[in-house]
């Protein structure tokens, strides 16, 4: 048998019958890119998604978390700027740690069932 390993994709969903996703791997990538570039426009360009889609994703995240995640400064001569709010940075840090813990737990269960 070829070497195999588990792949973990963690998403947060709304609490309800349908469990609508509002934070998955793409959202983490978007938040990290905004933090790195200081711009929603540059972040979505790196990801290959539209500017409007990026803002829709951010609006959905802020709606479900009920916190401001991105601080926006309107563009002017030099263009706009965006940065994670302190709450947004804290959420990203917490969520990234949660994902790492999930992957670690899955690796342990995988090892139990498939061995080394």
N, C-alpha and C. Protein backbone atom coordinates (compact mmCIF):
# COMPACT_ATOMS: atom_id res chain seq x y z
N UNK A 1 0.85 -1.18 0.00
CA UNK A 1 0.00 0.00 0.00
C UNK A 1 0.89 1.24 0.00
N UNK A 2 0.50 2.23 -0.79
CA UNK A 2 1.22 3.50 -0.80
C UNK A 2 0.99 4.21 0.52
N UNK A 3 1.93 5.08 0.86
CA UNK A 3 1.81 5.86 2.10
C UNK A 3 0.62 6.81 1.99
N UNK A 4 -0.19 6.82 3.02
CA UNK A 4 -1.36 7.69 3.05
C UNK A 4 -1.35 8.51 4.34
N UNK A 5 -2.10 9.59 4.34
CA UNK A 5 -2.24 10.42 5.54
C UNK A 5 -3.61 11.09 5.50
N UNK A 6 -4.10 11.51 6.64
CA UNK A 6 -5.40 12.18 6.65
C UNK A 6 -5.28 13.64 6.23
N UNK A 7 -6.37 14.15 5.67
CA UNK A 7 -6.46 15.57 5.32
C UNK A 7 -7.62 16.15 6.12
N UNK A 8 -7.34 17.23 6.84
CA UNK A 8 -8.34 17.83 7.70
C UNK A 8 -8.68 19.22 7.18
N UNK A 9 -9.98 19.45 6.97
CA UNK A 9 -10.46 20.78 6.60
C UNK A 9 -11.50 21.16 7.64
N UNK A 10 -11.16 22.13 8.46
CA UNK A 10 -12.03 22.54 9.55
C UNK A 10 -12.85 23.75 9.13
N UNK A 11 -14.15 23.67 9.38
CA UNK A 11 -15.05 24.79 9.11
C UNK A 11 -15.92 25.04 10.32
N UNK A 12 -16.26 26.29 10.53
CA UNK A 12 -17.23 26.64 11.55
C UNK A 12 -18.57 26.83 10.85
N UNK A 13 -19.62 26.31 11.47
CA UNK A 13 -20.96 26.42 10.90
C UNK A 13 -21.88 27.03 11.94
N UNK A 14 -22.98 27.60 11.44
CA UNK A 14 -23.97 28.18 12.35
C UNK A 14 -24.64 27.08 13.15
N UNK A 15 -25.09 27.44 14.32
CA UNK A 15 -25.80 26.50 15.18
C UNK A 15 -27.25 26.48 14.74
N UNK A 16 -27.68 25.41 14.19
CA UNK A 16 -29.04 25.30 13.71
C UNK A 16 -29.19 24.04 12.89
N UNK A 17 -30.37 23.82 12.39
CA UNK A 17 -30.65 22.60 11.63
C UNK A 17 -29.78 22.46 10.40
N UNK A 18 -29.59 23.56 9.69
CA UNK A 18 -28.84 23.49 8.43
C UNK A 18 -27.34 23.63 8.62
N UNK A 19 -26.89 24.25 9.68
CA UNK A 19 -25.46 24.42 9.93
C UNK A 19 -24.73 25.06 8.77
N UNK A 20 -25.03 26.31 8.49
CA UNK A 20 -24.42 27.02 7.36
C UNK A 20 -22.97 27.39 7.66
N UNK A 21 -22.04 27.04 6.78
CA UNK A 21 -20.63 27.37 7.01
C UNK A 21 -20.38 28.88 6.89
N UNK A 22 -19.54 29.39 7.78
CA UNK A 22 -19.18 30.81 7.69
C UNK A 22 -17.69 31.04 7.87
N UNK A 23 -16.95 30.00 8.20
CA UNK A 23 -15.49 30.15 8.33
C UNK A 23 -14.82 28.82 8.02
N UNK A 24 -14.20 28.76 6.85
CA UNK A 24 -13.48 27.56 6.44
C UNK A 24 -12.07 27.91 6.05
N UNK A 25 -11.39 27.00 5.37
CA UNK A 25 -10.01 27.25 4.98
C UNK A 25 -9.82 28.51 4.14
N UNK A 26 -10.78 28.82 3.27
CA UNK A 26 -10.67 30.03 2.45
C UNK A 26 -10.71 31.30 3.27
N UNK A 27 -11.53 31.30 4.31
CA UNK A 27 -11.62 32.48 5.17
C UNK A 27 -10.31 32.70 5.92
N UNK A 28 -9.72 31.62 6.38
CA UNK A 28 -8.43 31.73 7.08
C UNK A 28 -7.39 32.31 6.12
N UNK A 29 -7.37 31.81 4.89
CA UNK A 29 -6.44 32.33 3.89
C UNK A 29 -6.68 33.81 3.64
N UNK A 30 -7.95 34.20 3.54
CA UNK A 30 -8.29 35.61 3.31
C UNK A 30 -7.82 36.49 4.47
N UNK A 31 -8.09 36.08 5.69
CA UNK A 31 -7.68 36.88 6.86
C UNK A 31 -6.16 36.98 6.94
N UNK A 32 -5.47 35.87 6.69
CA UNK A 32 -4.00 35.90 6.71
C UNK A 32 -3.46 36.81 5.61
N UNK A 33 -4.09 36.79 4.43
CA UNK A 33 -3.63 37.63 3.33
C UNK A 33 -3.89 39.11 3.61
N UNK A 34 -5.02 39.42 4.24
CA UNK A 34 -5.29 40.82 4.61
C UNK A 34 -4.26 41.28 5.63
N UNK A 35 -3.96 40.42 6.59
CA UNK A 35 -2.97 40.76 7.61
C UNK A 35 -1.59 40.99 6.98
N UNK A 36 -1.26 40.19 5.99
CA UNK A 36 0.05 40.29 5.34
C UNK A 36 0.14 41.49 4.41
N UNK A 37 -0.90 41.72 3.61
CA UNK A 37 -0.83 42.76 2.58
C UNK A 37 -1.34 44.12 3.02
N UNK A 38 -2.19 44.15 4.06
CA UNK A 38 -2.78 45.42 4.49
C UNK A 38 -3.85 45.92 3.53
N UNK A 39 -4.39 44.98 2.72
CA UNK A 39 -5.35 45.39 1.70
C UNK A 39 -6.28 44.23 1.36
N UNK A 40 -7.60 44.49 1.38
CA UNK A 40 -8.54 43.46 0.95
C UNK A 40 -8.37 43.22 -0.55
N UNK A 41 -8.19 44.28 -1.31
CA UNK A 41 -8.02 44.14 -2.77
C UNK A 41 -6.83 43.25 -3.10
N UNK A 42 -5.70 43.48 -2.45
CA UNK A 42 -4.51 42.66 -2.70
C UNK A 42 -4.71 41.23 -2.21
N UNK A 43 -5.39 41.07 -1.09
CA UNK A 43 -5.64 39.74 -0.53
C UNK A 43 -6.49 38.90 -1.47
N UNK A 44 -7.59 39.47 -1.98
CA UNK A 44 -8.46 38.70 -2.88
C UNK A 44 -7.75 38.42 -4.21
N UNK A 45 -6.90 39.35 -4.64
CA UNK A 45 -6.14 39.12 -5.88
C UNK A 45 -5.20 37.92 -5.71
N UNK A 46 -4.56 37.83 -4.55
CA UNK A 46 -3.68 36.68 -4.27
C UNK A 46 -4.46 35.37 -4.29
N UNK A 47 -5.70 35.43 -3.83
CA UNK A 47 -6.53 34.22 -3.75
C UNK A 47 -7.23 33.89 -5.06
N UNK A 48 -7.30 34.86 -5.95
CA UNK A 48 -7.99 34.63 -7.21
C UNK A 48 -9.51 34.69 -7.09
N UNK A 49 -10.00 35.48 -6.13
CA UNK A 49 -11.45 35.67 -6.01
C UNK A 49 -11.77 37.14 -6.23
N UNK A 50 -13.04 37.43 -6.50
CA UNK A 50 -13.43 38.81 -6.78
C UNK A 50 -13.44 39.64 -5.49
N UNK A 51 -13.28 40.92 -5.68
CA UNK A 51 -13.30 41.88 -4.57
C UNK A 51 -14.65 41.81 -3.85
N UNK A 52 -15.73 41.76 -4.62
CA UNK A 52 -17.06 41.72 -3.99
C UNK A 52 -17.27 40.42 -3.22
N UNK A 53 -16.75 39.31 -3.74
CA UNK A 53 -16.88 38.04 -3.01
C UNK A 53 -16.10 38.10 -1.70
N UNK A 54 -14.93 38.70 -1.73
CA UNK A 54 -14.14 38.83 -0.50
C UNK A 54 -14.89 39.60 0.56
N UNK A 55 -15.52 40.71 0.16
CA UNK A 55 -16.27 41.51 1.13
C UNK A 55 -17.51 40.76 1.62
N UNK A 56 -18.15 39.98 0.76
CA UNK A 56 -19.31 39.19 1.19
C UNK A 56 -18.90 38.15 2.22
N UNK A 57 -17.76 37.52 2.00
CA UNK A 57 -17.26 36.53 2.97
C UNK A 57 -16.97 37.20 4.31
N UNK A 58 -16.32 38.36 4.27
CA UNK A 58 -16.01 39.08 5.50
C UNK A 58 -17.27 39.53 6.22
N UNK A 59 -18.26 40.00 5.47
CA UNK A 59 -19.52 40.44 6.08
C UNK A 59 -20.22 39.28 6.77
N UNK A 60 -20.20 38.10 6.14
CA UNK A 60 -20.83 36.92 6.74
C UNK A 60 -20.10 36.52 8.03
N UNK A 61 -18.78 36.55 8.00
CA UNK A 61 -18.00 36.22 9.19
C UNK A 61 -18.32 37.19 10.33
N UNK A 62 -18.32 38.49 10.02
CA UNK A 62 -18.61 39.49 11.05
C UNK A 62 -20.04 39.35 11.57
N UNK A 63 -20.96 38.99 10.70
CA UNK A 63 -22.35 38.81 11.12
C UNK A 63 -22.47 37.67 12.13
N UNK A 64 -21.83 36.54 11.86
CA UNK A 64 -21.95 35.39 12.75
C UNK A 64 -21.12 35.54 14.02
N UNK A 65 -19.94 36.15 13.92
CA UNK A 65 -19.12 36.35 15.11
C UNK A 65 -19.61 37.52 15.95
N UNK A 66 -20.32 38.44 15.31
CA UNK A 66 -20.81 39.66 15.94
C UNK A 66 -19.68 40.52 16.50
N UNK A 67 -18.60 40.56 15.74
CA UNK A 67 -17.47 41.43 16.05
C UNK A 67 -16.93 42.01 14.74
N UNK A 68 -16.33 43.19 14.79
CA UNK A 68 -15.67 43.70 13.59
C UNK A 68 -14.36 42.94 13.40
N UNK A 69 -14.13 42.42 12.20
CA UNK A 69 -12.94 41.61 11.93
C UNK A 69 -11.89 42.41 11.15
N UNK A 70 -12.37 43.28 10.26
CA UNK A 70 -11.46 44.06 9.42
C UNK A 70 -11.77 45.54 9.58
N UNK A 71 -10.72 46.32 9.81
CA UNK A 71 -10.83 47.78 9.88
C UNK A 71 -10.53 48.30 8.48
N UNK A 72 -11.46 49.07 7.94
CA UNK A 72 -11.34 49.56 6.57
C UNK A 72 -11.09 51.06 6.55
N UNK A 73 -10.17 51.47 5.70
CA UNK A 73 -9.97 52.90 5.45
C UNK A 73 -10.21 53.12 3.97
N UNK A 74 -11.14 54.01 3.66
CA UNK A 74 -11.49 54.30 2.27
C UNK A 74 -10.26 54.73 1.48
N UNK A 75 -10.26 54.36 0.23
CA UNK A 75 -9.15 54.71 -0.65
C UNK A 75 -9.18 56.18 -1.02
N UNK A 76 -8.08 56.63 -1.41
CA UNK A 76 -7.93 58.00 -1.87
C UNK A 76 -6.84 57.99 -2.92
N UNK A 77 -5.99 58.95 -2.85
CA UNK A 77 -4.90 59.04 -3.82
C UNK A 77 -3.99 57.80 -3.77
N UNK A 78 -3.65 57.36 -2.57
CA UNK A 78 -2.76 56.21 -2.44
C UNK A 78 -3.50 54.89 -2.31
N UNK A 79 -4.83 54.89 -2.37
CA UNK A 79 -5.60 53.67 -2.22
C UNK A 79 -5.99 53.45 -0.77
N UNK A 80 -6.92 52.54 -0.56
CA UNK A 80 -7.39 52.25 0.78
C UNK A 80 -6.47 51.29 1.51
N UNK A 81 -6.72 51.16 2.78
CA UNK A 81 -5.96 50.24 3.62
C UNK A 81 -6.94 49.40 4.41
N UNK A 82 -6.54 48.21 4.73
CA UNK A 82 -7.34 47.34 5.59
C UNK A 82 -6.40 46.62 6.54
N UNK A 83 -6.90 46.38 7.72
CA UNK A 83 -6.13 45.64 8.71
C UNK A 83 -7.10 44.86 9.57
N UNK A 84 -6.63 43.77 10.13
CA UNK A 84 -7.46 43.04 11.07
C UNK A 84 -7.64 43.89 12.31
N UNK A 85 -8.84 43.92 12.83
CA UNK A 85 -9.08 44.58 14.11
C UNK A 85 -8.41 43.74 15.19
N UNK A 86 -8.24 44.27 16.39
CA UNK A 86 -7.70 43.43 17.47
C UNK A 86 -8.56 42.17 17.67
N UNK A 87 -9.88 42.32 17.56
CA UNK A 87 -10.77 41.16 17.70
C UNK A 87 -10.58 40.18 16.54
N UNK A 88 -10.38 40.71 15.34
CA UNK A 88 -10.15 39.86 14.18
C UNK A 88 -8.84 39.11 14.29
N UNK A 89 -7.79 39.79 14.74
CA UNK A 89 -6.49 39.15 14.93
C UNK A 89 -6.58 38.07 16.01
N UNK A 90 -7.31 38.36 17.07
CA UNK A 90 -7.49 37.38 18.15
C UNK A 90 -8.27 36.16 17.64
N UNK A 91 -9.33 36.41 16.86
CA UNK A 91 -10.09 35.30 16.29
C UNK A 91 -9.20 34.44 15.40
N UNK A 92 -8.41 35.07 14.51
CA UNK A 92 -7.54 34.32 13.61
C UNK A 92 -6.54 33.48 14.39
N UNK A 93 -5.96 34.07 15.42
CA UNK A 93 -4.98 33.34 16.25
C UNK A 93 -5.64 32.15 16.93
N UNK A 94 -6.81 32.37 17.51
CA UNK A 94 -7.54 31.32 18.21
C UNK A 94 -7.97 30.21 17.23
N UNK A 95 -8.47 30.62 16.07
CA UNK A 95 -8.96 29.65 15.09
C UNK A 95 -7.81 28.84 14.50
N UNK A 96 -6.68 29.48 14.26
CA UNK A 96 -5.50 28.78 13.74
C UNK A 96 -5.01 27.74 14.75
N UNK A 97 -5.02 28.09 16.02
CA UNK A 97 -4.63 27.14 17.07
C UNK A 97 -5.63 25.98 17.15
N UNK A 98 -6.91 26.29 16.99
CA UNK A 98 -7.95 25.27 16.99
C UNK A 98 -7.73 24.28 15.84
N UNK A 99 -7.44 24.80 14.65
CA UNK A 99 -7.19 23.94 13.49
C UNK A 99 -5.98 23.03 13.75
N UNK A 100 -4.92 23.60 14.31
CA UNK A 100 -3.72 22.80 14.62
C UNK A 100 -4.05 21.69 15.60
N UNK A 101 -4.85 21.99 16.62
CA UNK A 101 -5.25 20.97 17.59
C UNK A 101 -6.11 19.89 16.93
N UNK A 102 -6.99 20.29 16.02
CA UNK A 102 -7.82 19.32 15.30
C UNK A 102 -6.96 18.38 14.47
N UNK A 103 -5.99 18.95 13.76
CA UNK A 103 -5.10 18.13 12.94
C UNK A 103 -4.30 17.16 13.80
N UNK A 104 -3.83 17.63 14.94
CA UNK A 104 -3.07 16.78 15.85
C UNK A 104 -3.94 15.62 16.35
N UNK A 105 -5.17 15.91 16.71
CA UNK A 105 -6.09 14.87 17.19
C UNK A 105 -6.38 13.86 16.09
N UNK A 106 -6.61 14.33 14.87
CA UNK A 106 -6.88 13.42 13.76
C UNK A 106 -5.65 12.56 13.47
N UNK A 107 -4.46 13.13 13.54
CA UNK A 107 -3.24 12.35 13.33
C UNK A 107 -3.13 11.22 14.35
N UNK A 108 -3.49 11.49 15.60
CA UNK A 108 -3.44 10.46 16.64
C UNK A 108 -4.46 9.34 16.36
N UNK A 109 -5.65 9.71 15.97
CA UNK A 109 -6.67 8.72 15.65
C UNK A 109 -6.27 7.93 14.41
N UNK A 110 -5.70 8.61 13.41
CA UNK A 110 -5.23 7.94 12.21
C UNK A 110 -4.16 6.91 12.57
N UNK A 111 -3.23 7.32 13.39
CA UNK A 111 -2.15 6.41 13.83
C UNK A 111 -2.74 5.19 14.53
N UNK A 112 -3.73 5.40 15.36
CA UNK A 112 -4.38 4.30 16.08
C UNK A 112 -4.98 3.29 15.11
N UNK A 113 -5.62 3.77 14.06
CA UNK A 113 -6.33 2.89 13.15
C UNK A 113 -5.48 2.35 11.99
N UNK A 114 -4.50 3.11 11.56
CA UNK A 114 -3.70 2.72 10.41
C UNK A 114 -2.26 2.37 10.74
N UNK A 115 -1.83 2.69 11.94
CA UNK A 115 -0.46 2.40 12.34
C UNK A 115 0.54 3.30 11.65
N UNK A 116 1.81 3.04 11.92
CA UNK A 116 2.85 3.90 11.38
C UNK A 116 3.46 3.33 10.19
